[in-house]
């Protein structure tokens, strides 16, 4: 699962050819023992994160929406995508 970004203990990844389970553009986030799938639109699709970390991820998603959709379009075709700047 290629990594998109890493910041404040959050690791954000996107899986190649991963459009079957959630049927919408999304990322996979890990934070310690927490794991979640979050739509690029900010919808929590599965799993959980602490509230503070979920807010950080949602802020990052908003800031990088265009880059995330471009990465998603590549990922569902099995094409490599670039890393995205962390939240600072």
Protein backbone atom coordinates (compact mmCIF):
# COMPACT_ATOMS: atom_id res chain seq x y z
CA UNK A 1 0.00 0.00 0.00
CA UNK A 2 1.87 3.10 -1.19
CA UNK A 3 2.18 5.95 1.28
CA UNK A 4 0.76 9.33 0.32
CA UNK A 5 1.83 11.33 3.35
CA UNK A 6 2.93 11.13 6.98
CA UNK A 7 2.49 13.79 9.68
CA UNK A 8 1.79 14.03 13.42
CA UNK A 9 1.91 10.25 13.77
CA UNK A 10 -0.67 9.74 11.01
CA UNK A 11 0.21 7.58 8.01
CA UNK A 12 -1.97 8.07 4.96
CA UNK A 13 -1.94 5.48 2.18
CA UNK A 14 -3.79 4.65 -1.00
CA UNK A 15 -4.15 1.15 -2.42
CA UNK A 16 -3.81 0.37 -6.12
CA UNK A 17 -6.98 -0.97 -7.79
CA UNK A 18 -9.00 -0.37 -4.58
CA UNK A 19 -12.43 0.70 -5.83
CA UNK A 20 -14.51 -2.41 -5.00
CA UNK A 21 -15.21 -2.24 -1.25
CA UNK A 22 -16.06 1.44 -0.67
CA UNK A 23 -16.96 2.44 -4.26
CA UNK A 24 -15.66 5.96 -3.79
CA UNK A 25 -12.28 7.70 -3.74
CA UNK A 26 -10.71 7.20 -0.31
CA UNK A 27 -7.51 6.88 1.70
CA UNK A 28 -6.43 4.49 4.43
CA UNK A 29 -5.15 6.09 7.64
CA UNK A 30 -3.27 4.57 10.55
CA UNK A 31 -2.51 6.24 13.85
CA UNK A 32 -0.97 3.97 16.46
CA UNK A 33 -3.42 1.08 16.85
CA UNK A 34 -6.21 2.95 15.04
CA UNK A 35 -7.07 2.35 11.39
CA UNK A 36 -9.68 4.04 9.23
CA UNK A 37 -10.82 4.38 5.63
CA UNK A 38 -11.83 7.95 4.86
CA UNK A 39 -13.38 9.29 1.67
CA UNK A 40 -11.57 12.14 -0.02
CA UNK A 41 -14.75 14.09 0.79
CA UNK A 42 -14.07 13.47 4.51
CA UNK A 43 -16.67 10.72 5.10
CA UNK A 44 -15.54 8.05 7.56
CA UNK A 45 -16.11 4.82 5.61
CA UNK A 46 -14.77 2.32 8.12
CA UNK A 47 -12.67 1.95 11.24
CA UNK A 48 -11.99 4.78 13.65
CA UNK A 49 -9.55 7.51 14.66
CA UNK A 50 -9.42 9.73 17.74
CA UNK A 51 -11.43 12.92 17.13
CA UNK A 52 -8.37 15.22 17.03
CA UNK A 53 -6.59 13.06 14.45
CA UNK A 54 -9.73 12.72 12.33
CA UNK A 55 -9.99 16.53 12.23
CA UNK A 56 -6.33 16.77 11.15
CA UNK A 57 -6.89 14.26 8.36
CA UNK A 58 -10.02 16.09 7.20
CA UNK A 59 -8.13 19.41 7.10
CA UNK A 60 -5.37 17.74 5.05
CA UNK A 61 -7.96 16.22 2.68
CA UNK A 62 -9.50 19.65 2.04
CA UNK A 63 -6.11 21.26 1.38
CA UNK A 64 -5.04 18.56 -1.07
CA UNK A 65 -8.33 17.57 -2.70
CA UNK A 66 -7.15 18.03 -6.32
CA UNK A 67 -3.93 16.10 -5.72
CA UNK A 68 -5.85 13.32 -3.98
CA UNK A 69 -8.29 12.87 -6.85
CA UNK A 70 -5.37 12.79 -9.30
CA UNK A 71 -3.66 10.14 -7.14
CA UNK A 72 -6.92 8.16 -6.92
CA UNK A 73 -7.36 8.23 -10.70
CA UNK A 74 -3.86 6.81 -11.08
CA UNK A 75 -4.25 4.26 -8.28
CA UNK A 76 -7.43 2.69 -9.68
CA UNK A 77 -5.58 2.19 -12.95
CA UNK A 78 -2.57 0.66 -11.18
CA UNK A 79 -0.35 3.66 -11.99
CA UNK A 80 2.11 5.08 -9.44
CA UNK A 81 1.25 8.43 -7.86
CA UNK A 82 3.28 11.11 -6.13
CA UNK A 83 3.51 11.72 -2.40
CA UNK A 84 1.57 14.71 -1.08
CA UNK A 85 2.90 17.34 1.31
CA UNK A 86 2.24 16.70 5.01
CA UNK A 87 0.12 19.00 7.15
CA UNK A 88 2.34 21.47 8.98
